[in-house]
Amino acid sequence: SSERGLTCFRKAKSIDSSYAPAFSGLG
């Protein structure tokens, strides 16, 4: 479920813009 995954990673980076795993997961 890539679209739901995208939503989760975007939420994570909006909470913590310095959290590298959120951006890696988003990629």
mmCIF file of all heavy atoms, coordinates in Angstrom:
data_MODEL
# 
_entry.id   MODEL 
# 
loop_
_atom_site.group_PDB 
_atom_site.id 
_atom_site.type_symbol 
_atom_site.label_atom_id 
_atom_site.label_alt_id 
_atom_site.label_comp_id 
_atom_site.label_asym_id 
_atom_site.label_entity_id 
_atom_site.label_seq_id 
_atom_site.pdbx_PDB_ins_code 
_atom_site.Cartn_x 
_atom_site.Cartn_y 
_atom_site.Cartn_z 
_atom_site.occupancy 
_atom_site.B_iso_or_equiv 
_atom_site.pdbx_formal_charge 
_atom_site.auth_seq_id 
_atom_site.auth_comp_id 
_atom_site.auth_asym_id 
_atom_site.auth_atom_id 
_atom_site.pdbx_PDB_model_num 
ATOM 1   N N   . SER A 1 1  ? 0.856  -1.185 0.000  1.00 0.00 ? 1  SER A N   1 
ATOM 2   C CA  . SER A 1 1  ? 0.000  0.000  0.000  1.00 0.00 ? 1  SER A CA  1 
ATOM 3   C C   . SER A 1 1  ? 0.892  1.235  0.000  1.00 0.00 ? 1  SER A C   1 
ATOM 4   O O   . SER A 1 1  ? 1.079  1.894  1.034  1.00 0.00 ? 1  SER A O   1 
ATOM 5   C CB  . SER A 1 1  ? -0.935 -0.003 1.218  1.00 0.00 ? 1  SER A CB  1 
ATOM 6   O OG  . SER A 1 1  ? -1.811 1.105  1.172  1.00 0.00 ? 1  SER A OG  1 
ATOM 7   N N   . SER A 1 2  ? 1.442  1.548  -1.181 1.00 0.00 ? 2  SER A N   1 
ATOM 8   C CA  . SER A 1 2  ? 2.415  2.628  -1.285 1.00 0.00 ? 2  SER A CA  1 
ATOM 9   C C   . SER A 1 2  ? 1.825  3.986  -0.941 1.00 0.00 ? 2  SER A C   1 
ATOM 10  O O   . SER A 1 2  ? 2.489  4.829  -0.313 1.00 0.00 ? 2  SER A O   1 
ATOM 11  C CB  . SER A 1 2  ? 3.000  2.664  -2.703 1.00 0.00 ? 2  SER A CB  1 
ATOM 12  O OG  . SER A 1 2  ? 3.678  1.472  -2.996 1.00 0.00 ? 2  SER A OG  1 
ATOM 13  N N   . GLU A 1 3  ? 0.590  4.244  -1.331 1.00 0.00 ? 3  GLU A N   1 
ATOM 14  C CA  . GLU A 1 3  ? -0.018 5.539  -1.064 1.00 0.00 ? 3  GLU A CA  1 
ATOM 15  C C   . GLU A 1 3  ? -0.179 5.776  0.435  1.00 0.00 ? 3  GLU A C   1 
ATOM 16  O O   . GLU A 1 3  ? 0.075  6.871  0.933  1.00 0.00 ? 3  GLU A O   1 
ATOM 17  C CB  . GLU A 1 3  ? -1.380 5.643  -1.768 1.00 0.00 ? 3  GLU A CB  1 
ATOM 18  C CG  . GLU A 1 3  ? -1.286 5.749  -3.282 1.00 0.00 ? 3  GLU A CG  1 
ATOM 19  C CD  . GLU A 1 3  ? -0.537 7.001  -3.745 1.00 0.00 ? 3  GLU A CD  1 
ATOM 20  O OE1 . GLU A 1 3  ? -0.602 8.026  -3.036 1.00 0.00 ? 3  GLU A OE1 1 
ATOM 21  O OE2 . GLU A 1 3  ? 0.115  6.937  -4.800 1.00 0.00 ? 3  GLU A OE2 1 
ATOM 22  N N   . ARG A 1 4  ? -0.607 4.749  1.166  1.00 0.00 ? 4  ARG A N   1 
ATOM 23  C CA  . ARG A 1 4  ? -0.723 4.897  2.611  1.00 0.00 ? 4  ARG A CA  1 
ATOM 24  C C   . ARG A 1 4  ? 0.658  5.058  3.246  1.00 0.00 ? 4  ARG A C   1 
ATOM 25  O O   . ARG A 1 4  ? 0.821  5.791  4.223  1.00 0.00 ? 4  ARG A O   1 
ATOM 26  C CB  . ARG A 1 4  ? -1.449 3.690  3.204  1.00 0.00 ? 4  ARG A CB  1 
ATOM 27  C CG  . ARG A 1 4  ? -2.939 3.666  2.889  1.00 0.00 ? 4  ARG A CG  1 
ATOM 28  C CD  . ARG A 1 4  ? -3.641 2.535  3.588  1.00 0.00 ? 4  ARG A CD  1 
ATOM 29  N NE  . ARG A 1 4  ? -5.069 2.560  3.324  1.00 0.00 ? 4  ARG A NE  1 
ATOM 30  C CZ  . ARG A 1 4  ? -5.941 1.704  3.839  1.00 0.00 ? 4  ARG A CZ  1 
ATOM 31  N NH1 . ARG A 1 4  ? -5.521 0.742  4.644  1.00 0.00 ? 4  ARG A NH1 1 
ATOM 32  N NH2 . ARG A 1 4  ? -7.236 1.794  3.551  1.00 0.00 ? 4  ARG A NH2 1 
ATOM 33  N N   . GLY A 1 5  ? 1.634  4.350  2.684  1.00 0.00 ? 5  GLY A N   1 
ATOM 34  C CA  . GLY A 1 5  ? 3.004  4.523  3.157  1.00 0.00 ? 5  GLY A CA  1 
ATOM 35  C C   . GLY A 1 5  ? 3.471  5.952  2.981  1.00 0.00 ? 5  GLY A C   1 
ATOM 36  O O   . GLY A 1 5  ? 4.075  6.541  3.887  1.00 0.00 ? 5  GLY A O   1 
ATOM 37  N N   . LEU A 1 6  ? 3.200  6.525  1.812  1.00 0.00 ? 6  LEU A N   1 
ATOM 38  C CA  . LEU A 1 6  ? 3.551  7.921  1.557  1.00 0.00 ? 6  LEU A CA  1 
ATOM 39  C C   . LEU A 1 6  ? 2.944  8.849  2.606  1.00 0.00 ? 6  LEU A C   1 
ATOM 40  O O   . LEU A 1 6  ? 3.615  9.753  3.131  1.00 0.00 ? 6  LEU A O   1 
ATOM 41  C CB  . LEU A 1 6  ? 3.062  8.346  0.166  1.00 0.00 ? 6  LEU A CB  1 
ATOM 42  C CG  . LEU A 1 6  ? 3.974  8.080  -1.027 1.00 0.00 ? 6  LEU A CG  1 
ATOM 43  C CD1 . LEU A 1 6  ? 3.229  8.389  -2.331 1.00 0.00 ? 6  LEU A CD1 1 
ATOM 44  C CD2 . LEU A 1 6  ? 5.236  8.927  -0.935 1.00 0.00 ? 6  LEU A CD2 1 
ATOM 45  N N   . THR A 1 7  ? 1.676  8.643  2.890  1.00 0.00 ? 7  THR A N   1 
ATOM 46  C CA  . THR A 1 7  ? 0.987  9.482  3.870  1.00 0.00 ? 7  THR A CA  1 
ATOM 47  C C   . THR A 1 7  ? 1.677  9.404  5.232  1.00 0.00 ? 7  THR A C   1 
ATOM 48  O O   . THR A 1 7  ? 1.872  10.428 5.907  1.00 0.00 ? 7  THR A O   1 
ATOM 49  C CB  . THR A 1 7  ? -0.483 9.040  4.012  1.00 0.00 ? 7  THR A CB  1 
ATOM 50  O OG1 . THR A 1 7  ? -1.136 9.188  2.748  1.00 0.00 ? 7  THR A OG1 1 
ATOM 51  C CG2 . THR A 1 7  ? -1.206 9.883  5.048  1.00 0.00 ? 7  THR A CG2 1 
ATOM 52  N N   . CYS A 1 8  ? 2.067  8.202  5.634  1.00 0.00 ? 8  CYS A N   1 
ATOM 53  C CA  . CYS A 1 8  ? 2.715  8.019  6.938  1.00 0.00 ? 8  CYS A CA  1 
ATOM 54  C C   . CYS A 1 8  ? 4.081  8.702  6.995  1.00 0.00 ? 8  CYS A C   1 
ATOM 55  O O   . CYS A 1 8  ? 4.407  9.372  7.988  1.00 0.00 ? 8  CYS A O   1 
ATOM 56  C CB  . CYS A 1 8  ? 2.861  6.534  7.245  1.00 0.00 ? 8  CYS A CB  1 
ATOM 57  S SG  . CYS A 1 8  ? 1.300  5.673  7.501  1.00 0.00 ? 8  CYS A SG  1 
ATOM 58  N N   . PHE A 1 9  ? 4.882  8.538  5.943  1.00 0.00 ? 9  PHE A N   1 
ATOM 59  C CA  . PHE A 1 9  ? 6.209  9.154  5.943  1.00 0.00 ? 9  PHE A CA  1 
ATOM 60  C C   . PHE A 1 9  ? 6.109  10.676 5.921  1.00 0.00 ? 9  PHE A C   1 
ATOM 61  O O   . PHE A 1 9  ? 6.898  11.366 6.576  1.00 0.00 ? 9  PHE A O   1 
ATOM 62  C CB  . PHE A 1 9  ? 7.022  8.657  4.745  1.00 0.00 ? 9  PHE A CB  1 
ATOM 63  C CG  . PHE A 1 9  ? 7.372  7.192  4.816  1.00 0.00 ? 9  PHE A CG  1 
ATOM 64  C CD1 . PHE A 1 9  ? 7.054  6.330  3.770  1.00 0.00 ? 9  PHE A CD1 1 
ATOM 65  C CD2 . PHE A 1 9  ? 8.016  6.668  5.925  1.00 0.00 ? 9  PHE A CD2 1 
ATOM 66  C CE1 . PHE A 1 9  ? 7.370  4.986  3.830  1.00 0.00 ? 9  PHE A CE1 1 
ATOM 67  C CE2 . PHE A 1 9  ? 8.338  5.319  5.996  1.00 0.00 ? 9  PHE A CE2 1 
ATOM 68  C CZ  . PHE A 1 9  ? 8.007  4.482  4.948  1.00 0.00 ? 9  PHE A CZ  1 
ATOM 69  N N   . ARG A 1 10 ? 5.147  11.197 5.178  1.00 0.00 ? 10 ARG A N   1 
ATOM 70  C CA  . ARG A 1 10 ? 4.956  12.647 5.154  1.00 0.00 ? 10 ARG A CA  1 
ATOM 71  C C   . ARG A 1 10 ? 4.528  13.160 6.518  1.00 0.00 ? 10 ARG A C   1 
ATOM 72  O O   . ARG A 1 10 ? 4.945  14.249 6.955  1.00 0.00 ? 10 ARG A O   1 
ATOM 73  C CB  . ARG A 1 10 ? 3.942  13.017 4.074  1.00 0.00 ? 10 ARG A CB  1 
ATOM 74  C CG  . ARG A 1 10 ? 4.528  12.944 2.667  1.00 0.00 ? 10 ARG A CG  1 
ATOM 75  C CD  . ARG A 1 10 ? 3.480  13.105 1.585  1.00 0.00 ? 10 ARG A CD  1 
ATOM 76  N NE  . ARG A 1 10 ? 4.109  13.191 0.262  1.00 0.00 ? 10 ARG A NE  1 
ATOM 77  C CZ  . ARG A 1 10 ? 3.531  12.834 -0.868 1.00 0.00 ? 10 ARG A CZ  1 
ATOM 78  N NH1 . ARG A 1 10 ? 2.282  12.348 -0.847 1.00 0.00 ? 10 ARG A NH1 1 
ATOM 79  N NH2 . ARG A 1 10 ? 4.166  12.943 -2.016 1.00 0.00 ? 10 ARG A NH2 1 
ATOM 80  N N   . LYS A 1 11 ? 3.704  12.396 7.205  1.00 0.00 ? 11 LYS A N   1 
ATOM 81  C CA  . LYS A 1 11 ? 3.299  12.761 8.556  1.00 0.00 ? 11 LYS A CA  1 
ATOM 82  C C   . LYS A 1 11 ? 4.503  12.763 9.484  1.00 0.00 ? 11 LYS A C   1 
ATOM 83  O O   . LYS A 1 11 ? 4.689  13.687 10.294 1.00 0.00 ? 11 LYS A O   1 
ATOM 84  C CB  . LYS A 1 11 ? 2.242  11.784 9.057  1.00 0.00 ? 11 LYS A CB  1 
ATOM 85  C CG  . LYS A 1 11 ? 1.759  12.031 10.475 1.00 0.00 ? 11 LYS A CG  1 
ATOM 86  C CD  . LYS A 1 11 ? 0.967  13.313 10.590 1.00 0.00 ? 11 LYS A CD  1 
ATOM 87  C CE  . LYS A 1 11 ? 0.378  13.476 11.988 1.00 0.00 ? 11 LYS A CE  1 
ATOM 88  N NZ  . LYS A 1 11 ? -0.386 14.741 12.123 1.00 0.00 ? 11 LYS A NZ  1 
ATOM 89  N N   . ALA A 1 12 ? 5.343  11.747 9.373  1.00 0.00 ? 12 ALA A N   1 
ATOM 90  C CA  . ALA A 1 12 ? 6.527  11.633 10.226 1.00 0.00 ? 12 ALA A CA  1 
ATOM 91  C C   . ALA A 1 12 ? 7.459  12.821 10.043 1.00 0.00 ? 12 ALA A C   1 
ATOM 92  O O   . ALA A 1 12 ? 7.933  13.416 11.016 1.00 0.00 ? 12 ALA A O   1 
ATOM 93  C CB  . ALA A 1 12 ? 7.265  10.330 9.938  1.00 0.00 ? 12 ALA A CB  1 
ATOM 94  N N   . LYS A 1 13 ? 7.715  13.204 8.796  1.00 0.00 ? 13 LYS A N   1 
ATOM 95  C CA  . LYS A 1 13 ? 8.647  14.314 8.560  1.00 0.00 ? 13 LYS A CA  1 
ATOM 96  C C   . LYS A 1 13 ? 8.036  15.657 8.954  1.00 0.00 ? 13 LYS A C   1 
ATOM 97  O O   . LYS A 1 13 ? 8.759  16.589 9.296  1.00 0.00 ? 13 LYS A O   1 
ATOM 98  C CB  . LYS A 1 13 ? 9.127  14.333 7.111  1.00 0.00 ? 13 LYS A CB  1 
ATOM 99  C CG  . LYS A 1 13 ? 8.165  14.864 6.082  1.00 0.00 ? 13 LYS A CG  1 
ATOM 100 C CD  . LYS A 1 13 ? 8.768  14.809 4.687  1.00 0.00 ? 13 LYS A CD  1 
ATOM 101 C CE  . LYS A 1 13 ? 7.850  15.427 3.632  1.00 0.00 ? 13 LYS A CE  1 
ATOM 102 N NZ  . LYS A 1 13 ? 7.682  16.870 3.808  1.00 0.00 ? 13 LYS A NZ  1 
ATOM 103 N N   . SER A 1 14 ? 6.703  15.748 8.929  1.00 0.00 ? 14 SER A N   1 
ATOM 104 C CA  . SER A 1 14 ? 6.074  16.990 9.378  1.00 0.00 ? 14 SER A CA  1 
ATOM 105 C C   . SER A 1 14 ? 6.177  17.134 10.898 1.00 0.00 ? 14 SER A C   1 
ATOM 106 O O   . SER A 1 14 ? 6.229  18.251 11.423 1.00 0.00 ? 14 SER A O   1 
ATOM 107 C CB  . SER A 1 14 ? 4.607  17.037 8.942  1.00 0.00 ? 14 SER A CB  1 
ATOM 108 O OG  . SER A 1 14 ? 3.812  16.132 9.694  1.00 0.00 ? 14 SER A OG  1 
ATOM 109 N N   . ILE A 1 15 ? 6.228  16.006 11.592 1.00 0.00 ? 15 ILE A N   1 
ATOM 110 C CA  . ILE A 1 15 ? 6.382  16.020 13.048 1.00 0.00 ? 15 ILE A CA  1 
ATOM 111 C C   . ILE A 1 15 ? 7.821  16.336 13.432 1.00 0.00 ? 15 ILE A C   1 
ATOM 112 O O   . ILE A 1 15 ? 8.083  17.120 14.344 1.00 0.00 ? 15 ILE A O   1 
ATOM 113 C CB  . ILE A 1 15 ? 5.950  14.668 13.646 1.00 0.00 ? 15 ILE A CB  1 
ATOM 114 C CG1 . ILE A 1 15 ? 4.447  14.470 13.470 1.00 0.00 ? 15 ILE A CG1 1 
ATOM 115 C CG2 . ILE A 1 15 ? 6.327  14.573 15.122 1.00 0.00 ? 15 ILE A CG2 1 
ATOM 116 C CD1 . ILE A 1 15 ? 3.971  13.069 13.810 1.00 0.00 ? 15 ILE A CD1 1 
ATOM 117 N N   . ASP A 1 16 ? 8.762  15.715 12.731 1.00 0.00 ? 16 ASP A N   1 
ATOM 118 C CA  . ASP A 1 16 ? 10.184 15.903 13.044 1.00 0.00 ? 16 ASP A CA  1 
ATOM 119 C C   . ASP A 1 16 ? 10.965 16.042 11.741 1.00 0.00 ? 16 ASP A C   1 
ATOM 120 O O   . ASP A 1 16 ? 11.300 15.047 11.098 1.00 0.00 ? 16 ASP A O   1 
ATOM 121 C CB  . ASP A 1 16 ? 10.703 14.717 13.864 1.00 0.00 ? 16 ASP A CB  1 
ATOM 122 C CG  . ASP A 1 16 ? 12.132 14.935 14.351 1.00 0.00 ? 16 ASP A CG  1 
ATOM 123 O OD1 . ASP A 1 16 ? 12.757 15.927 13.941 1.00 0.00 ? 16 ASP A OD1 1 
ATOM 124 O OD2 . ASP A 1 16 ? 12.619 14.104 15.151 1.00 0.00 ? 16 ASP A OD2 1 
ATOM 125 N N   . SER A 1 17 ? 11.253 17.269 11.367 1.00 0.00 ? 17 SER A N   1 
ATOM 126 C CA  . SER A 1 17 ? 11.936 17.531 10.094 1.00 0.00 ? 17 SER A CA  1 
ATOM 127 C C   . SER A 1 17 ? 13.415 17.169 10.134 1.00 0.00 ? 17 SER A C   1 
ATOM 128 O O   . SER A 1 17 ? 14.116 17.314 9.131  1.00 0.00 ? 17 SER A O   1 
ATOM 129 C CB  . SER A 1 17 ? 11.779 19.007 9.709  1.00 0.00 ? 17 SER A CB  1 
ATOM 130 O OG  . SER A 1 17 ? 12.351 19.847 10.702 1.00 0.00 ? 17 SER A OG  1 
ATOM 131 N N   . SER A 1 18 ? 13.903 16.700 11.287 1.00 0.00 ? 18 SER A N   1 
ATOM 132 C CA  . SER A 1 18 ? 15.311 16.295 11.385 1.00 0.00 ? 18 SER A CA  1 
ATOM 133 C C   . SER A 1 18 ? 15.455 14.778 11.500 1.00 0.00 ? 18 SER A C   1 
ATOM 134 O O   . SER A 1 18 ? 16.553 14.274 11.739 1.00 0.00 ? 18 SER A O   1 
ATOM 135 C CB  . SER A 1 18 ? 15.969 16.954 12.607 1.00 0.00 ? 18 SER A CB  1 
ATOM 136 O OG  . SER A 1 18 ? 15.380 16.485 13.813 1.00 0.00 ? 18 SER A OG  1 
ATOM 137 N N   . TYR A 1 19 ? 14.358 14.055 11.319 1.00 0.00 ? 19 TYR A N   1 
ATOM 138 C CA  . TYR A 1 19 ? 14.364 12.596 11.482 1.00 0.00 ? 19 TYR A CA  1 
ATOM 139 C C   . TYR A 1 19 ? 14.649 11.932 10.141 1.00 0.00 ? 19 TYR A C   1 
ATOM 140 O O   . TYR A 1 19 ? 13.764 11.776 9.297  1.00 0.00 ? 19 TYR A O   1 
ATOM 141 C CB  . TYR A 1 19 ? 13.026 12.136 12.051 1.00 0.00 ? 19 TYR A CB  1 
ATOM 142 C CG  . TYR A 1 19 ? 12.970 10.681 12.434 1.00 0.00 ? 19 TYR A CG  1 
ATOM 143 C CD1 . TYR A 1 19 ? 13.932 10.119 13.266 1.00 0.00 ? 19 TYR A CD1 1 
ATOM 144 C CD2 . TYR A 1 19 ? 11.945 9.860  11.977 1.00 0.00 ? 19 TYR A CD2 1 
ATOM 145 C CE1 . TYR A 1 19 ? 13.878 8.783  13.614 1.00 0.00 ? 19 TYR A CE1 1 
ATOM 146 C CE2 . TYR A 1 19 ? 11.876 8.520  12.331 1.00 0.00 ? 19 TYR A CE2 1 
ATOM 147 C CZ  . TYR A 1 19 ? 12.856 7.990  13.154 1.00 0.00 ? 19 TYR A CZ  1 
ATOM 148 O OH  . TYR A 1 19 ? 12.809 6.662  13.498 1.00 0.00 ? 19 TYR A OH  1 
ATOM 149 N N   . ALA A 1 20 ? 15.895 11.539 9.950  1.00 0.00 ? 20 ALA A N   1 
ATOM 150 C CA  . ALA A 1 20 ? 16.341 11.005 8.665  1.00 0.00 ? 20 ALA A CA  1 
ATOM 151 C C   . ALA A 1 20 ? 15.562 9.775  8.191  1.00 0.00 ? 20 ALA A C   1 
ATOM 152 O O   . ALA A 1 20 ? 15.244 9.674  7.002  1.00 0.00 ? 20 ALA A O   1 
ATOM 153 C CB  . ALA A 1 20 ? 17.838 10.689 8.723  1.00 0.00 ? 20 ALA A CB  1 
ATOM 154 N N   . PRO A 1 21 ? 15.229 8.807  9.067  1.00 0.00 ? 21 PRO A N   1 
ATOM 155 C CA  . PRO A 1 21 ? 14.487 7.635  8.581  1.00 0.00 ? 21 PRO A CA  1 
ATOM 156 C C   . PRO A 1 21 ? 13.152 7.978  7.932  1.00 0.00 ? 21 PRO A C   1 
ATOM 157 O O   . PRO A 1 21 ? 12.695 7.245  7.045  1.00 0.00 ? 21 PRO A O   1 
ATOM 158 C CB  . PRO A 1 21 ? 14.290 6.800  9.853  1.00 0.00 ? 21 PRO A CB  1 
ATOM 159 C CG  . PRO A 1 21 ? 15.455 7.149  10.711 1.00 0.00 ? 21 PRO A CG  1 
ATOM 160 C CD  . PRO A 1 21 ? 15.669 8.621  10.469 1.00 0.00 ? 21 PRO A CD  1 
ATOM 161 N N   . ALA A 1 22 ? 12.523 9.091  8.349  1.00 0.00 ? 22 ALA A N   1 
ATOM 162 C CA  . ALA A 1 22 ? 11.260 9.491  7.719  1.00 0.00 ? 22 ALA A CA  1 
ATOM 163 C C   . ALA A 1 22 ? 11.489 9.873  6.269  1.00 0.00 ? 22 ALA A C   1 
ATOM 164 O O   . ALA A 1 22 ? 10.708 9.511  5.379  1.00 0.00 ? 22 ALA A O   1 
ATOM 165 C CB  . ALA A 1 22 ? 10.628 10.650 8.477  1.00 0.00 ? 22 ALA A CB  1 
ATOM 166 N N   . PHE A 1 23 ? 12.585 10.583 5.993  1.00 0.00 ? 23 PHE A N   1 
ATOM 167 C CA  . PHE A 1 23 ? 12.890 10.997 4.624  1.00 0.00 ? 23 PHE A CA  1 
ATOM 168 C C   . PHE A 1 23 ? 13.360 9.809  3.786  1.00 0.00 ? 23 PHE A C   1 
ATOM 169 O O   . PHE A 1 23 ? 13.030 9.717  2.598  1.00 0.00 ? 23 PHE A O   1 
ATOM 170 C CB  . PHE A 1 23 ? 13.952 12.100 4.636  1.00 0.00 ? 23 PHE A CB  1 
ATOM 171 C CG  . PHE A 1 23 ? 13.441 13.422 5.113  1.00 0.00 ? 23 PHE A CG  1 
ATOM 172 C CD1 . PHE A 1 23 ? 13.538 13.775 6.445  1.00 0.00 ? 23 PHE A CD1 1 
ATOM 173 C CD2 . PHE A 1 23 ? 12.827 14.302 4.242  1.00 0.00 ? 23 PHE A CD2 1 
ATOM 174 C CE1 . PHE A 1 23 ? 13.052 14.996 6.899  1.00 0.00 ? 23 PHE A CE1 1 
ATOM 175 C CE2 . PHE A 1 23 ? 12.334 15.520 4.678  1.00 0.00 ? 23 PHE A CE2 1 
ATOM 176 C CZ  . PHE A 1 23 ? 12.437 15.863 6.011  1.00 0.00 ? 23 PHE A CZ  1 
ATOM 177 N N   . SER A 1 24 ? 14.120 8.909  4.403  1.00 0.00 ? 24 SER A N   1 
ATOM 178 C CA  . SER A 1 24 ? 14.551 7.722  3.675  1.00 0.00 ? 24 SER A CA  1 
ATOM 179 C C   . SER A 1 24 ? 13.346 6.858  3.296  1.00 0.00 ? 24 SER A C   1 
ATOM 180 O O   . SER A 1 24 ? 13.246 6.360  2.174  1.00 0.00 ? 24 SER A O   1 
ATOM 181 C CB  . SER A 1 24 ? 15.525 6.915  4.538  1.00 0.00 ? 24 SER A CB  1 
ATOM 182 O OG  . SER A 1 24 ? 15.955 5.767  3.852  1.00 0.00 ? 24 SER A OG  1 
ATOM 183 N N   . GLY A 1 25 ? 12.421 6.692  4.251  1.00 0.00 ? 25 GLY A N   1 
ATOM 184 C CA  . GLY A 1 25 ? 11.206 5.945  3.961  1.00 0.00 ? 25 GLY A CA  1 
ATOM 185 C C   . GLY A 1 25 ? 10.363 6.620  2.897  1.00 0.00 ? 25 GLY A C   1 
ATOM 186 O O   . GLY A 1 25 ? 9.790  5.959  2.019  1.00 0.00 ? 25 GLY A O   1 
ATOM 187 N N   . LEU A 1 26 ? 10.303 7.958  2.964  1.00 0.00 ? 26 LEU A N   1 
ATOM 188 C CA  . LEU A 1 26 ? 9.563  8.717  1.956  1.00 0.00 ? 26 LEU A CA  1 
ATOM 189 C C   . LEU A 1 26 ? 10.166 8.484  0.574  1.00 0.00 ? 26 LEU A C   1 
ATOM 190 O O   . LEU A 1 26 ? 9.436  8.282  -0.411 1.00 0.00 ? 26 LEU A O   1 
ATOM 191 C CB  . LEU A 1 26 ? 9.591  10.208 2.302  1.00 0.00 ? 26 LEU A CB  1 
ATOM 192 C CG  . LEU A 1 26 ? 8.898  11.137 1.314  1.00 0.00 ? 26 LEU A CG  1 
ATOM 193 C CD1 . LEU A 1 26 ? 7.419  10.819 1.185  1.00 0.00 ? 26 LEU A CD1 1 
ATOM 194 C CD2 . LEU A 1 26 ? 9.092  12.599 1.737  1.00 0.00 ? 26 LEU A CD2 1 
ATOM 195 N N   . GLY A 1 27 ? 11.493 8.485  0.500  1.00 0.00 ? 27 GLY A N   1 
ATOM 196 C CA  . GLY A 1 27 ? 12.147 8.221  -0.775 1.00 0.00 ? 27 GLY A CA  1 
ATOM 197 C C   . GLY A 1 27 ? 11.792 6.850  -1.314 1.00 0.00 ? 27 GLY A C   1 
ATOM 198 O O   . GLY A 1 27 ? 11.525 6.680  -2.512 1.00 0.00 ? 27 GLY A O   1 
# 
